[in-house]
Amino acid sequence: MNGNVIANGYYSTSTQSVSNIGGIVGSNYSVVTKCYNVGIITTEYDDIGGIVGYSSSGSEINYCYNIGTITGNNFVGGIVGWSAAEIRNCYYLDGTAMYGGNNMTSMNGIEQKSSNYMKSSDFLDVLNINSNIFKIEPEKNNGYPILKWQ
């Protein structure tokens, strides 16, 4: 994603409320893999993530990263707001969110990394495990990995 998300206002009924806002997916019930978010997400709602807002049991989030700043109310994470998913090899930029997900300092499969590391060939190698989908072109995306087709 390369745009910002700003969610204002309020909507609620006895059965619905506004939440589950993500840089890539709001609510995940399947698999999210090999993607990234650079956009800023600003809202007053719950379950806000740089990649996924809410991810259900049985779903997956794999080989993703976020460098956009994420702010919200409850369950705000650099990768996922709230999750029961299997998460593997996901990373968020130091200082973009207080937590990786579920309001937890550490969460399996999510790591906070420095800008220098996320622009390195070592990080590119990690993202490209089992595929060769990312590349780094220093003049694009401020030196962070992009998808090869970009």
N, C-alpha and C. Protein backbone atom coordinates (compact mmCIF):
# COMPACT_ATOMS: atom_id res chain seq x y z
N MET A 1 0.84 -1.18 0.00
CA MET A 1 0.00 0.00 0.00
C MET A 1 0.88 1.23 0.00
N ASN A 2 0.44 2.25 -0.68
CA ASN A 2 1.22 3.46 -0.77
C ASN A 2 0.37 4.69 -0.48
N GLY A 3 -0.75 4.53 0.21
CA GLY A 3 -1.60 5.66 0.57
C GLY A 3 -1.86 5.65 2.06
N ASN A 4 -2.37 6.74 2.58
CA ASN A 4 -2.67 6.83 4.01
C ASN A 4 -4.13 6.49 4.26
N VAL A 5 -4.42 5.96 5.44
CA VAL A 5 -5.78 5.64 5.85
C VAL A 5 -6.12 6.51 7.05
N ILE A 6 -7.18 7.30 6.93
CA ILE A 6 -7.66 8.12 8.04
C ILE A 6 -9.13 7.78 8.23
N ALA A 7 -9.48 7.23 9.39
CA ALA A 7 -10.86 6.84 9.68
C ALA A 7 -11.37 7.69 10.83
N ASN A 8 -12.35 8.54 10.56
CA ASN A 8 -12.92 9.43 11.57
C ASN A 8 -14.40 9.13 11.73
N GLY A 9 -15.02 9.76 12.72
CA GLY A 9 -16.44 9.59 12.94
C GLY A 9 -16.72 8.38 13.79
N TYR A 10 -17.98 8.00 13.85
CA TYR A 10 -18.34 6.85 14.67
C TYR A 10 -19.58 6.21 14.11
N TYR A 11 -19.58 4.89 14.06
CA TYR A 11 -20.74 4.12 13.63
C TYR A 11 -20.88 2.93 14.56
N SER A 12 -22.03 2.73 15.12
CA SER A 12 -22.23 1.58 15.99
C SER A 12 -23.70 1.23 16.07
N THR A 13 -23.96 -0.07 16.08
CA THR A 13 -25.30 -0.57 16.38
C THR A 13 -25.10 -1.64 17.44
N SER A 14 -26.14 -2.29 17.83
CA SER A 14 -25.99 -3.33 18.84
C SER A 14 -25.19 -4.52 18.32
N THR A 15 -25.05 -4.66 17.00
CA THR A 15 -24.33 -5.81 16.44
C THR A 15 -23.09 -5.43 15.64
N GLN A 16 -22.89 -4.17 15.34
CA GLN A 16 -21.75 -3.78 14.52
C GLN A 16 -21.08 -2.53 15.07
N SER A 17 -19.80 -2.44 14.87
CA SER A 17 -19.08 -1.20 15.15
C SER A 17 -17.93 -1.11 14.15
N VAL A 18 -17.41 0.07 13.99
CA VAL A 18 -16.31 0.28 13.06
C VAL A 18 -15.01 -0.13 13.75
N SER A 19 -14.30 -1.02 13.14
CA SER A 19 -12.97 -1.41 13.59
C SER A 19 -12.37 -2.28 12.50
N ASN A 20 -11.32 -3.00 12.81
CA ASN A 20 -10.67 -3.89 11.85
C ASN A 20 -10.17 -3.13 10.62
N ILE A 21 -9.22 -2.24 10.86
CA ILE A 21 -8.65 -1.43 9.80
C ILE A 21 -7.19 -1.81 9.62
N GLY A 22 -6.81 -2.17 8.39
CA GLY A 22 -5.44 -2.56 8.12
C GLY A 22 -4.89 -1.86 6.89
N GLY A 23 -3.58 -1.80 6.80
CA GLY A 23 -2.93 -1.20 5.64
C GLY A 23 -3.14 -2.03 4.38
N ILE A 24 -3.34 -3.34 4.53
CA ILE A 24 -3.59 -4.22 3.39
C ILE A 24 -4.99 -4.81 3.48
N VAL A 25 -5.36 -5.38 4.63
CA VAL A 25 -6.64 -6.06 4.81
C VAL A 25 -7.26 -5.64 6.14
N GLY A 26 -8.56 -5.36 6.15
CA GLY A 26 -9.25 -5.04 7.40
C GLY A 26 -9.47 -6.27 8.25
N SER A 27 -10.18 -7.28 7.71
CA SER A 27 -10.46 -8.54 8.40
C SER A 27 -9.96 -9.70 7.56
N ASN A 28 -9.12 -10.55 8.16
CA ASN A 28 -8.50 -11.67 7.44
C ASN A 28 -9.05 -12.99 7.96
N TYR A 29 -9.58 -13.79 7.05
CA TYR A 29 -10.06 -15.13 7.38
C TYR A 29 -9.35 -16.18 6.53
N SER A 30 -8.26 -15.81 5.88
CA SER A 30 -7.57 -16.70 4.96
C SER A 30 -6.06 -16.52 5.11
N VAL A 31 -5.35 -16.22 4.02
CA VAL A 31 -3.90 -16.07 4.04
C VAL A 31 -3.51 -14.73 3.43
N VAL A 32 -2.68 -13.98 4.14
CA VAL A 32 -2.07 -12.76 3.64
C VAL A 32 -0.57 -13.03 3.62
N THR A 33 0.04 -12.90 2.44
CA THR A 33 1.46 -13.23 2.34
C THR A 33 2.18 -12.32 1.35
N LYS A 34 3.47 -12.12 1.61
CA LYS A 34 4.37 -11.38 0.72
C LYS A 34 3.82 -10.02 0.31
N CYS A 35 3.58 -9.17 1.30
CA CYS A 35 3.09 -7.82 1.01
C CYS A 35 3.72 -6.83 1.99
N TYR A 36 3.50 -5.55 1.73
CA TYR A 36 4.03 -4.53 2.63
C TYR A 36 3.14 -3.30 2.61
N ASN A 37 3.27 -2.51 3.67
CA ASN A 37 2.53 -1.25 3.80
C ASN A 37 3.51 -0.14 4.14
N VAL A 38 3.38 0.99 3.43
CA VAL A 38 4.17 2.17 3.77
C VAL A 38 3.28 3.32 4.21
N GLY A 39 1.96 3.14 4.12
CA GLY A 39 1.01 4.20 4.45
C GLY A 39 0.81 4.39 5.94
N ILE A 40 0.46 5.60 6.32
CA ILE A 40 0.14 5.95 7.71
C ILE A 40 -1.32 5.62 7.96
N ILE A 41 -1.61 4.99 9.09
CA ILE A 41 -3.00 4.68 9.47
C ILE A 41 -3.30 5.43 10.75
N THR A 42 -4.30 6.30 10.71
CA THR A 42 -4.69 7.11 11.86
C THR A 42 -6.19 6.97 12.07
N THR A 43 -6.58 6.51 13.25
CA THR A 43 -7.99 6.33 13.56
C THR A 43 -8.19 6.30 15.07
N GLU A 44 -9.43 6.39 15.49
CA GLU A 44 -9.77 6.29 16.92
C GLU A 44 -10.40 4.94 17.24
N TYR A 45 -10.36 4.01 16.29
CA TYR A 45 -11.04 2.74 16.46
C TYR A 45 -10.11 1.64 16.98
N ASP A 46 -10.65 0.42 17.11
CA ASP A 46 -9.93 -0.74 17.63
C ASP A 46 -9.52 -1.68 16.50
N ASP A 47 -8.57 -2.56 16.82
CA ASP A 47 -8.10 -3.59 15.90
C ASP A 47 -7.53 -2.95 14.63
N ILE A 48 -6.41 -2.25 14.81
CA ILE A 48 -5.77 -1.49 13.74
C ILE A 48 -4.37 -2.07 13.52
N GLY A 49 -4.05 -2.47 12.29
CA GLY A 49 -2.74 -3.04 12.01
C GLY A 49 -2.12 -2.51 10.74
N GLY A 50 -0.80 -2.48 10.72
CA GLY A 50 -0.08 -2.04 9.53
C GLY A 50 -0.34 -2.93 8.33
N ILE A 51 -0.56 -4.22 8.56
CA ILE A 51 -0.89 -5.15 7.48
C ILE A 51 -2.36 -5.57 7.59
N VAL A 52 -2.78 -6.08 8.75
CA VAL A 52 -4.14 -6.60 8.95
C VAL A 52 -4.72 -6.02 10.23
N GLY A 53 -5.99 -5.59 10.19
CA GLY A 53 -6.65 -5.10 11.40
C GLY A 53 -7.02 -6.22 12.35
N TYR A 54 -7.71 -7.24 11.84
CA TYR A 54 -8.15 -8.40 12.62
C TYR A 54 -7.89 -9.65 11.81
N SER A 55 -7.32 -10.69 12.45
CA SER A 55 -7.06 -11.94 11.75
C SER A 55 -7.56 -13.10 12.59
N SER A 56 -8.47 -13.90 12.04
CA SER A 56 -9.16 -14.96 12.78
C SER A 56 -8.29 -16.19 12.96
N SER A 57 -8.75 -17.06 13.84
CA SER A 57 -8.14 -18.36 14.04
C SER A 57 -8.20 -19.13 12.72
N GLY A 58 -7.12 -19.83 12.39
CA GLY A 58 -7.06 -20.57 11.14
C GLY A 58 -6.52 -19.77 9.97
N SER A 59 -6.35 -18.47 10.15
CA SER A 59 -5.79 -17.63 9.08
C SER A 59 -4.27 -17.53 9.25
N GLU A 60 -3.62 -16.92 8.27
CA GLU A 60 -2.17 -16.77 8.30
C GLU A 60 -1.76 -15.38 7.81
N ILE A 61 -0.62 -14.91 8.34
CA ILE A 61 0.05 -13.70 7.84
C ILE A 61 1.53 -14.07 7.73
N ASN A 62 2.09 -14.00 6.53
CA ASN A 62 3.44 -14.48 6.28
C ASN A 62 4.27 -13.51 5.46
N TYR A 63 5.53 -13.33 5.83
CA TYR A 63 6.52 -12.59 5.06
C TYR A 63 6.03 -11.21 4.62
N CYS A 64 5.55 -10.44 5.58
CA CYS A 64 5.06 -9.09 5.32
C CYS A 64 5.84 -8.09 6.16
N TYR A 65 5.81 -6.83 5.74
CA TYR A 65 6.42 -5.80 6.57
C TYR A 65 5.64 -4.49 6.47
N ASN A 66 5.80 -3.68 7.51
CA ASN A 66 5.15 -2.38 7.60
C ASN A 66 6.16 -1.33 8.02
N ILE A 67 6.16 -0.19 7.31
CA ILE A 67 7.00 0.94 7.73
C ILE A 67 6.16 2.19 8.00
N GLY A 68 4.82 2.09 7.86
CA GLY A 68 3.93 3.22 8.12
C GLY A 68 3.59 3.34 9.59
N THR A 69 3.41 4.55 10.08
CA THR A 69 3.03 4.79 11.47
C THR A 69 1.56 4.41 11.67
N ILE A 70 1.29 3.70 12.78
CA ILE A 70 -0.04 3.19 13.06
C ILE A 70 -0.53 3.75 14.39
N THR A 71 -1.69 4.43 14.39
CA THR A 71 -2.28 4.93 15.64
C THR A 71 -3.76 4.59 15.66
N GLY A 72 -4.25 4.23 16.84
CA GLY A 72 -5.65 3.88 17.01
C GLY A 72 -5.97 3.81 18.49
N ASN A 73 -7.05 3.16 18.84
CA ASN A 73 -7.53 3.11 20.22
C ASN A 73 -7.00 1.88 20.96
N ASN A 74 -7.58 0.72 20.75
CA ASN A 74 -7.17 -0.53 21.40
C ASN A 74 -6.74 -1.54 20.35
N PHE A 75 -5.81 -2.40 20.72
CA PHE A 75 -5.29 -3.42 19.84
C PHE A 75 -4.79 -2.81 18.53
N VAL A 76 -3.70 -2.09 18.67
CA VAL A 76 -3.05 -1.40 17.57
C VAL A 76 -1.66 -2.01 17.40
N GLY A 77 -1.35 -2.51 16.21
CA GLY A 77 -0.06 -3.16 16.02
C GLY A 77 0.63 -2.82 14.72
N GLY A 78 1.93 -2.89 14.73
CA GLY A 78 2.72 -2.64 13.53
C GLY A 78 2.41 -3.60 12.41
N ILE A 79 2.00 -4.83 12.76
CA ILE A 79 1.60 -5.83 11.76
C ILE A 79 0.11 -6.09 11.82
N VAL A 80 -0.41 -6.43 13.01
CA VAL A 80 -1.82 -6.80 13.15
C VAL A 80 -2.38 -6.19 14.43
N GLY A 81 -3.63 -5.73 14.37
CA GLY A 81 -4.27 -5.19 15.57
C GLY A 81 -4.58 -6.29 16.56
N TRP A 82 -5.45 -7.21 16.17
CA TRP A 82 -5.78 -8.38 17.00
C TRP A 82 -5.74 -9.61 16.12
N SER A 83 -5.15 -10.69 16.67
CA SER A 83 -4.98 -11.87 15.84
C SER A 83 -4.97 -13.16 16.63
N ALA A 84 -5.58 -14.19 16.04
CA ALA A 84 -5.45 -15.58 16.48
C ALA A 84 -4.78 -16.37 15.35
N ALA A 85 -4.22 -15.67 14.38
CA ALA A 85 -3.63 -16.27 13.19
C ALA A 85 -2.26 -16.87 13.48
N GLU A 86 -1.81 -17.70 12.57
CA GLU A 86 -0.43 -18.17 12.53
C GLU A 86 0.35 -17.07 11.80
N ILE A 87 1.36 -16.52 12.45
CA ILE A 87 2.13 -15.42 11.86
C ILE A 87 3.59 -15.86 11.73
N ARG A 88 4.16 -15.65 10.55
CA ARG A 88 5.54 -16.04 10.30
C ARG A 88 6.29 -14.91 9.59
N ASN A 89 7.45 -14.62 10.07
CA ASN A 89 8.38 -13.70 9.41
C ASN A 89 7.73 -12.39 8.99
N CYS A 90 7.16 -11.68 9.96
CA CYS A 90 6.58 -10.37 9.71
C CYS A 90 7.34 -9.33 10.54
N TYR A 91 7.50 -8.14 9.98
CA TYR A 91 8.37 -7.13 10.57
C TYR A 91 7.74 -5.75 10.48
N TYR A 92 8.01 -4.94 11.50
CA TYR A 92 7.56 -3.56 11.45
C TYR A 92 8.69 -2.65 11.89
N LEU A 93 8.70 -1.46 11.34
CA LEU A 93 9.76 -0.49 11.58
C LEU A 93 9.70 0.05 13.00
N ASP A 94 10.84 0.06 13.65
CA ASP A 94 10.98 0.60 14.99
C ASP A 94 10.38 2.01 15.06
N GLY A 95 9.49 2.24 16.01
CA GLY A 95 8.91 3.56 16.22
C GLY A 95 7.59 3.80 15.49
N THR A 96 7.13 2.84 14.68
CA THR A 96 5.88 3.03 13.95
C THR A 96 4.66 2.59 14.75
N ALA A 97 4.85 1.73 15.74
CA ALA A 97 3.76 1.25 16.59
C ALA A 97 4.36 0.79 17.91
N MET A 98 3.56 0.84 18.97
CA MET A 98 4.04 0.41 20.27
C MET A 98 4.21 -1.11 20.34
N TYR A 99 3.35 -1.84 19.63
CA TYR A 99 3.36 -3.30 19.66
C TYR A 99 3.34 -3.84 18.24
N GLY A 100 3.72 -5.11 18.11
CA GLY A 100 3.61 -5.78 16.82
C GLY A 100 2.19 -6.25 16.56
N GLY A 101 1.49 -6.64 17.65
CA GLY A 101 0.11 -7.09 17.55
C GLY A 101 -0.44 -7.47 18.90
N ASN A 102 -1.75 -7.50 19.03
CA ASN A 102 -2.47 -7.91 20.24
C ASN A 102 -2.05 -7.16 21.51
N ASN A 103 -1.57 -5.94 21.38
CA ASN A 103 -1.09 -5.15 22.53
C ASN A 103 -0.07 -5.91 23.37
N MET A 104 0.79 -6.67 22.70
CA MET A 104 1.82 -7.45 23.38
C MET A 104 3.21 -6.97 22.94
N THR A 105 4.10 -6.86 23.90
CA THR A 105 5.46 -6.42 23.61
C THR A 105 6.12 -7.37 22.62
N SER A 106 5.93 -8.69 22.80
CA SER A 106 6.46 -9.63 21.81
C SER A 106 5.35 -10.59 21.42
N MET A 107 5.34 -10.95 20.16
CA MET A 107 4.32 -11.85 19.63
C MET A 107 4.99 -12.76 18.62
N ASN A 108 4.76 -14.06 18.71
CA ASN A 108 5.39 -15.01 17.80
C ASN A 108 5.20 -14.61 16.34
N GLY A 109 6.30 -14.61 15.61
CA GLY A 109 6.25 -14.33 14.19
C GLY A 109 6.37 -12.87 13.80
N ILE A 110 6.38 -11.97 14.80
CA ILE A 110 6.48 -10.53 14.53
C ILE A 110 7.70 -9.97 15.23
N GLU A 111 8.49 -9.20 14.49
CA GLU A 111 9.68 -8.56 15.06
C GLU A 111 9.75 -7.10 14.65
N GLN A 112 10.22 -6.28 15.57
CA GLN A 112 10.49 -4.86 15.31
C GLN A 112 11.93 -4.76 14.80
N LYS A 113 12.13 -3.98 13.74
CA LYS A 113 13.48 -3.86 13.16
C LYS A 113 13.82 -2.40 12.88
N SER A 114 15.11 -2.14 12.76
CA SER A 114 15.60 -0.79 12.45
C SER A 114 15.47 -0.52 10.96
N SER A 115 15.50 0.75 10.62
CA SER A 115 15.46 1.16 9.22
C SER A 115 16.65 0.60 8.45
N ASN A 116 17.83 0.67 9.04
CA ASN A 116 19.03 0.16 8.35
C ASN A 116 18.89 -1.31 8.02
N TYR A 117 18.41 -2.11 8.97
CA TYR A 117 18.24 -3.54 8.71
C TYR A 117 17.20 -3.78 7.61
N MET A 118 16.08 -3.05 7.67
CA MET A 118 15.01 -3.28 6.70
C MET A 118 15.37 -2.84 5.28
N LYS A 119 16.47 -2.10 5.14
CA LYS A 119 16.96 -1.71 3.82
C LYS A 119 18.12 -2.58 3.36
N SER A 120 18.44 -3.61 4.13
CA SER A 120 19.63 -4.42 3.86
C SER A 120 19.33 -5.66 3.01
N SER A 121 20.38 -6.21 2.44
CA SER A 121 20.25 -7.45 1.67
C SER A 121 19.89 -8.62 2.59
N ASP A 122 20.29 -8.56 3.86
CA ASP A 122 19.91 -9.61 4.81
C ASP A 122 18.39 -9.66 4.98
N PHE A 123 17.75 -8.49 5.09
CA PHE A 123 16.30 -8.43 5.21
C PHE A 123 15.64 -8.93 3.92
N LEU A 124 16.18 -8.53 2.80
CA LEU A 124 15.66 -8.99 1.50
C LEU A 124 15.71 -10.51 1.41
N ASP A 125 16.79 -11.12 1.88
CA ASP A 125 16.91 -12.58 1.87
C ASP A 125 15.83 -13.24 2.72
N VAL A 126 15.53 -12.65 3.88
CA VAL A 126 14.47 -13.19 4.75
C VAL A 126 13.11 -13.11 4.06
N LEU A 127 12.79 -11.98 3.47
CA LEU A 127 11.50 -11.83 2.79
C LEU A 127 11.38 -12.78 1.60
N ASN A 128 12.49 -13.11 0.97
CA ASN A 128 12.47 -13.93 -0.24
C ASN A 128 12.62 -15.43 0.03
N ILE A 129 12.54 -15.86 1.28
CA ILE A 129 12.57 -17.30 1.57
C ILE A 129 11.39 -17.96 0.85
N ASN A 130 11.64 -19.05 0.18
CA ASN A 130 10.64 -19.83 -0.56
C ASN A 130 10.09 -19.11 -1.80
N SER A 131 10.63 -17.98 -2.14
CA SER A 131 10.23 -17.28 -3.36
C SER A 131 11.27 -16.20 -3.64
N ASN A 132 11.13 -15.55 -4.73
CA ASN A 132 12.04 -14.46 -5.07
C ASN A 132 11.18 -13.30 -5.57
N ILE A 133 10.35 -12.77 -4.68
CA ILE A 133 9.32 -11.80 -5.08
C ILE A 133 9.70 -10.35 -4.79
N PHE A 134 10.62 -10.13 -3.83
CA PHE A 134 11.02 -8.77 -3.46
C PHE A 134 12.37 -8.41 -4.06
N LYS A 135 12.58 -7.11 -4.22
CA LYS A 135 13.88 -6.58 -4.65
C LYS A 135 14.09 -5.25 -3.93
N ILE A 136 15.31 -4.77 -3.96
CA ILE A 136 15.62 -3.44 -3.42
C ILE A 136 16.20 -2.59 -4.54
N GLU A 137 15.59 -1.44 -4.75
CA GLU A 137 16.13 -0.43 -5.65
C GLU A 137 16.23 0.84 -4.81
N PRO A 138 17.45 1.26 -4.45
CA PRO A 138 17.62 2.37 -3.50
C PRO A 138 16.85 3.64 -3.84
N GLU A 139 16.59 3.89 -5.13
CA GLU A 139 15.88 5.12 -5.52
C GLU A 139 14.36 4.99 -5.39
N LYS A 140 13.86 3.77 -5.09
CA LYS A 140 12.42 3.55 -4.93
C LYS A 140 12.08 3.18 -3.49
N ASN A 141 10.93 3.63 -3.01
CA ASN A 141 10.41 3.28 -1.68
C ASN A 141 11.42 3.62 -0.57
N ASN A 142 12.16 4.68 -0.75
CA ASN A 142 13.18 5.11 0.23
C ASN A 142 14.18 4.01 0.56
N GLY A 143 14.40 3.08 -0.35
CA GLY A 143 15.38 2.02 -0.15
C GLY A 143 14.84 0.77 0.51
N TYR A 144 13.56 0.76 0.89
CA TYR A 144 12.94 -0.44 1.46
C TYR A 144 12.56 -1.38 0.32
N PRO A 145 12.44 -2.68 0.60
CA PRO A 145 12.09 -3.64 -0.45
C PRO A 145 10.75 -3.32 -1.13
N ILE A 146 10.71 -3.63 -2.40
CA ILE A 146 9.49 -3.51 -3.19
C ILE A 146 9.27 -4.86 -3.90
N LEU A 147 8.11 -5.03 -4.45
CA LEU A 147 7.82 -6.24 -5.23
C LEU A 147 8.52 -6.16 -6.58
N LYS A 148 9.00 -7.26 -7.08
CA LYS A 148 9.79 -7.25 -8.32
C LYS A 148 9.08 -6.62 -9.50
N TRP A 149 7.79 -6.72 -9.57
CA TRP A 149 7.04 -6.15 -10.71
C TRP A 149 6.93 -4.63 -10.63
N GLN A 150 7.28 -4.04 -9.50
CA GLN A 150 7.12 -2.58 -9.37
C GLN A 150 8.23 -1.83 -10.06
